[in-house]
């Protein structure tokens, strides 16, 4: 059964860092695009970063440039989102997704990130 499980969220002070992980099971990530979206309270889902099967990175959110990075390890079926210099406006539920080689999209259950002093 295909499953994506995120972890690493939590409460952090402004300026702090968090590293989110997303582990896939039930399939291989080798030929998939993987990425992260987020949804803040009262707002729609926003794309953050994605990484293609060949390692190309797309940044969807100007607000995270220079602060967030994405990486993947196909052997571990894992993608990470490293978030530095966090701001209160980064508070959201963060979701990982995969877009596989036949165009199907799968989502994780989300992990809460709260940036507050």
N, C-alpha and C. Protein backbone atom coordinates (compact mmCIF):
# COMPACT_ATOMS: atom_id res chain seq x y z
N UNK A 1 0.85 -1.18 0.00
CA UNK A 1 0.00 0.00 0.00
C UNK A 1 0.89 1.24 0.00
N UNK A 2 0.59 2.17 -0.93
CA UNK A 2 1.37 3.37 -1.05
C UNK A 2 1.07 4.30 0.12
N UNK A 3 2.13 4.82 0.75
CA UNK A 3 1.94 5.69 1.90
C UNK A 3 3.09 6.69 1.98
N UNK A 4 2.75 7.92 2.34
CA UNK A 4 3.73 8.96 2.62
C UNK A 4 3.54 9.42 4.06
N UNK A 5 4.62 9.44 4.82
CA UNK A 5 4.53 9.82 6.22
C UNK A 5 5.52 10.94 6.49
N UNK A 6 4.97 12.10 6.88
CA UNK A 6 5.81 13.24 7.22
C UNK A 6 6.12 13.24 8.72
N UNK A 7 7.23 13.83 9.06
CA UNK A 7 7.60 14.03 10.46
C UNK A 7 8.55 15.22 10.56
N UNK A 8 8.77 15.65 11.80
CA UNK A 8 9.74 16.72 12.02
C UNK A 8 9.13 18.07 12.32
N UNK A 9 7.82 18.17 12.25
CA UNK A 9 7.19 19.44 12.56
C UNK A 9 7.20 19.70 14.05
N UNK A 10 6.77 20.91 14.42
CA UNK A 10 6.73 21.26 15.82
C UNK A 10 6.69 22.75 16.02
N UNK A 11 6.94 23.15 17.25
CA UNK A 11 6.95 24.57 17.63
C UNK A 11 8.39 25.05 17.67
N UNK A 12 8.65 26.17 17.01
CA UNK A 12 10.00 26.72 16.97
C UNK A 12 9.90 28.24 17.07
N UNK A 13 10.91 28.84 17.66
CA UNK A 13 10.94 30.29 17.77
C UNK A 13 11.35 30.92 16.44
N UNK A 14 10.94 32.15 16.21
CA UNK A 14 11.39 32.85 15.00
C UNK A 14 12.91 32.85 14.91
N UNK A 15 13.39 32.60 13.70
CA UNK A 15 14.83 32.49 13.49
C UNK A 15 15.37 31.08 13.63
N UNK A 16 14.55 30.19 14.13
CA UNK A 16 14.98 28.82 14.33
C UNK A 16 14.90 27.98 13.07
N UNK A 17 15.21 26.70 13.23
CA UNK A 17 15.24 25.77 12.10
C UNK A 17 14.47 24.50 12.43
N UNK A 18 13.97 23.90 11.39
CA UNK A 18 13.35 22.57 11.47
C UNK A 18 13.70 21.81 10.21
N UNK A 19 13.74 20.50 10.34
CA UNK A 19 13.94 19.64 9.18
C UNK A 19 12.80 18.66 9.09
N UNK A 20 12.01 18.78 8.05
CA UNK A 20 10.90 17.87 7.84
C UNK A 20 11.36 16.69 6.99
N UNK A 21 10.82 15.54 7.31
CA UNK A 21 11.11 14.33 6.56
C UNK A 21 9.81 13.76 6.00
N UNK A 22 9.92 13.13 4.87
CA UNK A 22 8.78 12.43 4.27
C UNK A 22 9.30 11.10 3.74
N UNK A 23 8.79 10.05 4.31
CA UNK A 23 9.21 8.70 3.93
C UNK A 23 8.10 8.03 3.16
N UNK A 24 8.46 7.49 2.02
CA UNK A 24 7.50 6.78 1.18
C UNK A 24 7.61 5.28 1.37
N UNK A 25 6.49 4.63 1.36
CA UNK A 25 6.49 3.17 1.42
C UNK A 25 5.48 2.64 0.41
N UNK A 26 5.74 1.46 -0.05
CA UNK A 26 4.83 0.84 -1.00
C UNK A 26 5.16 1.10 -2.45
N UNK A 27 6.17 1.92 -2.71
CA UNK A 27 6.59 2.18 -4.08
C UNK A 27 7.97 2.81 -4.03
N UNK A 28 8.60 2.93 -5.18
CA UNK A 28 9.91 3.55 -5.25
C UNK A 28 9.78 4.98 -5.77
N UNK A 29 10.63 5.85 -5.22
CA UNK A 29 10.60 7.25 -5.62
C UNK A 29 11.43 7.55 -6.86
N UNK A 30 12.13 6.56 -7.36
CA UNK A 30 13.17 6.79 -8.36
C UNK A 30 12.70 7.65 -9.54
N UNK A 31 11.47 7.44 -9.99
CA UNK A 31 11.02 8.12 -11.22
C UNK A 31 9.96 9.17 -10.93
N UNK A 32 9.92 9.63 -9.70
CA UNK A 32 8.86 10.54 -9.28
C UNK A 32 9.40 11.92 -8.95
N UNK A 33 8.57 12.90 -9.20
CA UNK A 33 8.80 14.23 -8.64
C UNK A 33 8.29 14.21 -7.20
N UNK A 34 9.00 14.86 -6.30
CA UNK A 34 8.62 14.90 -4.90
C UNK A 34 8.67 16.35 -4.46
N UNK A 35 7.75 16.71 -3.59
CA UNK A 35 7.79 18.10 -3.16
C UNK A 35 6.99 18.35 -1.91
N UNK A 36 6.92 19.63 -1.58
CA UNK A 36 6.24 20.07 -0.37
C UNK A 36 5.28 21.22 -0.69
N UNK A 37 4.10 21.12 -0.13
CA UNK A 37 3.15 22.20 -0.11
C UNK A 37 2.92 22.56 1.35
N UNK A 38 2.29 23.69 1.56
CA UNK A 38 1.89 24.06 2.91
C UNK A 38 0.56 24.77 2.88
N UNK A 39 -0.13 24.72 4.00
CA UNK A 39 -1.43 25.39 4.12
C UNK A 39 -1.50 26.08 5.47
N UNK A 40 -1.54 27.40 5.41
CA UNK A 40 -1.65 28.20 6.62
C UNK A 40 -3.12 28.32 7.01
N UNK A 41 -3.39 28.62 8.26
CA UNK A 41 -4.78 28.75 8.71
C UNK A 41 -5.55 29.77 7.87
N UNK A 42 -6.68 29.36 7.35
CA UNK A 42 -7.53 30.25 6.59
C UNK A 42 -7.07 30.53 5.18
N UNK A 43 -6.04 29.81 4.73
CA UNK A 43 -5.51 30.05 3.39
C UNK A 43 -5.50 28.76 2.57
N UNK A 44 -5.32 28.92 1.28
CA UNK A 44 -5.25 27.77 0.41
C UNK A 44 -3.89 27.10 0.47
N UNK A 45 -3.80 25.93 -0.16
CA UNK A 45 -2.54 25.21 -0.17
C UNK A 45 -1.56 25.90 -1.13
N UNK A 46 -0.33 26.07 -0.66
CA UNK A 46 0.70 26.79 -1.41
C UNK A 46 1.88 25.88 -1.69
N UNK A 47 2.35 25.88 -2.92
CA UNK A 47 3.54 25.12 -3.24
C UNK A 47 4.77 25.74 -2.61
N UNK A 48 5.69 24.91 -2.15
CA UNK A 48 6.91 25.41 -1.52
C UNK A 48 8.11 25.08 -2.41
N UNK A 49 8.48 23.82 -2.46
CA UNK A 49 9.61 23.37 -3.25
C UNK A 49 9.31 21.99 -3.78
N UNK A 50 9.88 21.66 -4.94
CA UNK A 50 9.82 20.28 -5.41
C UNK A 50 11.15 19.93 -6.05
N UNK A 51 11.38 18.63 -6.16
CA UNK A 51 12.61 18.14 -6.77
C UNK A 51 12.24 17.02 -7.73
N UNK A 52 12.74 17.13 -8.93
CA UNK A 52 12.39 16.16 -9.96
C UNK A 52 13.16 14.86 -9.77
N UNK A 53 12.81 13.87 -10.58
CA UNK A 53 13.49 12.58 -10.50
C UNK A 53 14.97 12.71 -10.86
N UNK A 54 15.33 13.75 -11.60
CA UNK A 54 16.72 13.96 -11.99
C UNK A 54 17.43 14.96 -11.09
N UNK A 55 16.72 15.43 -10.06
CA UNK A 55 17.36 16.32 -9.10
C UNK A 55 17.15 17.80 -9.34
N UNK A 56 16.41 18.15 -10.39
CA UNK A 56 16.12 19.55 -10.63
C UNK A 56 15.15 20.10 -9.60
N UNK A 57 15.43 21.29 -9.10
CA UNK A 57 14.63 21.87 -8.03
C UNK A 57 13.83 23.05 -8.54
N UNK A 58 12.56 23.08 -8.16
CA UNK A 58 11.68 24.19 -8.48
C UNK A 58 11.21 24.84 -7.18
N UNK A 59 11.38 26.13 -7.12
CA UNK A 59 10.93 26.88 -5.95
C UNK A 59 9.63 27.59 -6.31
N UNK A 60 8.56 27.24 -5.62
CA UNK A 60 7.25 27.82 -5.91
C UNK A 60 6.97 29.08 -5.10
N UNK A 61 7.69 29.26 -4.01
CA UNK A 61 7.38 30.34 -3.09
C UNK A 61 8.58 31.26 -2.92
N UNK A 62 8.46 32.48 -3.43
CA UNK A 62 9.56 33.44 -3.29
C UNK A 62 9.90 33.69 -1.82
N UNK A 63 8.92 33.57 -0.96
CA UNK A 63 9.13 33.88 0.45
C UNK A 63 10.09 32.93 1.14
N UNK A 64 10.38 31.78 0.55
CA UNK A 64 11.27 30.82 1.22
C UNK A 64 12.65 30.75 0.57
N UNK A 65 12.85 31.52 -0.50
CA UNK A 65 14.14 31.50 -1.18
C UNK A 65 15.27 31.88 -0.23
N UNK A 66 16.32 31.09 -0.28
CA UNK A 66 17.47 31.35 0.59
C UNK A 66 17.32 30.82 2.00
N UNK A 67 16.11 30.33 2.32
CA UNK A 67 15.89 29.83 3.69
C UNK A 67 15.55 28.34 3.72
N UNK A 68 14.84 27.86 2.72
CA UNK A 68 14.40 26.46 2.67
C UNK A 68 15.17 25.74 1.57
N UNK A 69 15.52 24.50 1.83
CA UNK A 69 16.12 23.66 0.80
C UNK A 69 15.45 22.29 0.81
N UNK A 70 15.46 21.65 -0.34
CA UNK A 70 14.86 20.33 -0.47
C UNK A 70 15.93 19.35 -0.94
N UNK A 71 15.84 18.14 -0.45
CA UNK A 71 16.77 17.11 -0.89
C UNK A 71 16.07 15.76 -0.84
N UNK A 72 16.63 14.80 -1.54
CA UNK A 72 16.02 13.48 -1.60
C UNK A 72 17.10 12.41 -1.58
N UNK A 73 16.71 11.25 -1.11
CA UNK A 73 17.57 10.07 -1.14
C UNK A 73 16.68 8.92 -1.61
N UNK A 74 16.83 8.56 -2.87
CA UNK A 74 15.96 7.51 -3.42
C UNK A 74 16.21 6.17 -2.74
N UNK A 75 17.43 5.92 -2.35
CA UNK A 75 17.73 4.64 -1.69
C UNK A 75 16.98 4.50 -0.38
N UNK A 76 16.71 5.64 0.25
CA UNK A 76 15.99 5.63 1.53
C UNK A 76 14.52 6.01 1.35
N UNK A 77 14.12 6.22 0.09
CA UNK A 77 12.73 6.60 -0.20
C UNK A 77 12.29 7.80 0.64
N UNK A 78 13.17 8.76 0.75
CA UNK A 78 12.94 9.89 1.67
C UNK A 78 13.24 11.22 0.98
N UNK A 79 12.43 12.22 1.34
CA UNK A 79 12.68 13.59 0.93
C UNK A 79 12.66 14.46 2.18
N UNK A 80 13.52 15.46 2.19
CA UNK A 80 13.62 16.34 3.34
C UNK A 80 13.36 17.79 2.93
N UNK A 81 12.84 18.53 3.86
CA UNK A 81 12.71 19.97 3.69
C UNK A 81 13.42 20.62 4.87
N UNK A 82 14.56 21.24 4.59
CA UNK A 82 15.31 21.94 5.61
C UNK A 82 14.84 23.39 5.64
N UNK A 83 14.37 23.83 6.79
CA UNK A 83 13.81 25.17 6.92
C UNK A 83 14.63 25.95 7.94
N UNK A 84 15.26 27.00 7.48
CA UNK A 84 16.08 27.85 8.34
C UNK A 84 15.47 29.25 8.42
N UNK A 85 15.93 29.99 9.40
CA UNK A 85 15.47 31.38 9.58
C UNK A 85 13.95 31.46 9.52
N UNK A 86 13.31 30.61 10.26
CA UNK A 86 11.85 30.52 10.20
C UNK A 86 11.19 31.80 10.70
N UNK A 87 10.08 32.10 10.08
CA UNK A 87 9.30 33.30 10.41
C UNK A 87 7.89 32.89 10.82
N UNK A 88 7.21 33.73 11.58
CA UNK A 88 5.83 33.39 11.97
C UNK A 88 4.94 33.09 10.76
N UNK A 89 5.18 33.74 9.65
CA UNK A 89 4.35 33.49 8.47
C UNK A 89 4.63 32.15 7.81
N UNK A 90 5.63 31.43 8.30
CA UNK A 90 5.86 30.06 7.82
C UNK A 90 4.97 29.05 8.55
N UNK A 91 4.25 29.52 9.54
CA UNK A 91 3.34 28.64 10.27
C UNK A 91 2.30 28.05 9.34
N UNK A 92 2.22 26.73 9.31
CA UNK A 92 1.31 26.05 8.39
C UNK A 92 1.40 24.55 8.64
N UNK A 93 0.48 23.84 8.03
CA UNK A 93 0.61 22.39 7.92
C UNK A 93 1.37 22.12 6.62
N UNK A 94 2.43 21.35 6.74
CA UNK A 94 3.27 21.05 5.59
C UNK A 94 2.98 19.62 5.11
N UNK A 95 2.75 19.52 3.80
CA UNK A 95 2.40 18.25 3.18
C UNK A 95 3.46 17.89 2.14
N UNK A 96 3.86 16.64 2.15
CA UNK A 96 4.69 16.19 1.04
C UNK A 96 3.79 15.49 0.01
N UNK A 97 4.26 15.47 -1.21
CA UNK A 97 3.52 14.80 -2.27
C UNK A 97 4.51 14.14 -3.20
N UNK A 98 4.01 13.19 -3.96
CA UNK A 98 4.78 12.64 -5.05
C UNK A 98 3.91 12.66 -6.31
N UNK A 99 4.55 12.92 -7.40
CA UNK A 99 3.93 12.86 -8.72
C UNK A 99 4.68 11.79 -9.49
N UNK A 100 4.02 10.68 -9.71
CA UNK A 100 4.77 9.56 -10.28
C UNK A 100 4.85 9.64 -11.80
N UNK A 101 5.46 8.67 -12.39
CA UNK A 101 5.77 8.72 -13.82
C UNK A 101 4.54 8.63 -14.71
N UNK A 102 3.40 8.22 -14.15
CA UNK A 102 2.18 8.16 -14.97
C UNK A 102 1.22 9.29 -14.59
N UNK A 103 1.70 10.27 -13.84
CA UNK A 103 0.91 11.46 -13.55
C UNK A 103 0.00 11.38 -12.37
N UNK A 104 0.11 10.35 -11.55
CA UNK A 104 -0.72 10.25 -10.35
C UNK A 104 -0.04 10.97 -9.20
N UNK A 105 -0.84 11.67 -8.41
CA UNK A 105 -0.32 12.42 -7.26
C UNK A 105 -0.80 11.80 -5.96
N UNK A 106 0.11 11.69 -5.02
CA UNK A 106 -0.21 11.15 -3.71
C UNK A 106 0.28 12.13 -2.66
N UNK A 107 -0.47 12.20 -1.55
CA UNK A 107 -0.18 13.16 -0.49
C UNK A 107 0.03 12.47 0.84
N UNK A 108 0.88 13.09 1.65
CA UNK A 108 0.99 12.66 3.03
C UNK A 108 -0.10 13.29 3.87
N UNK A 109 -0.08 12.98 5.17
CA UNK A 109 -1.14 13.45 6.05
C UNK A 109 -0.86 14.84 6.61
N UNK A 110 0.36 15.32 6.44
CA UNK A 110 0.73 16.65 6.89
C UNK A 110 1.38 16.66 8.26
N UNK A 111 2.22 17.66 8.47
CA UNK A 111 2.84 17.87 9.77
C UNK A 111 2.79 19.36 10.09
N UNK A 112 2.43 19.66 11.33
CA UNK A 112 2.23 21.05 11.73
C UNK A 112 3.56 21.71 12.06
N UNK A 113 3.76 22.89 11.51
CA UNK A 113 4.90 23.73 11.86
C UNK A 113 4.35 25.04 12.42
N UNK A 114 4.77 25.37 13.63
CA UNK A 114 4.33 26.60 14.26
C UNK A 114 5.56 27.41 14.65
N UNK A 115 5.62 28.64 14.15
CA UNK A 115 6.74 29.52 14.45
C UNK A 115 6.21 30.65 15.32
N UNK A 116 6.63 30.64 16.56
CA UNK A 116 6.10 31.60 17.52
C UNK A 116 7.05 31.76 18.69
N UNK A 117 7.07 32.95 19.24
CA UNK A 117 7.88 33.17 20.43
C UNK A 117 7.03 32.99 21.69
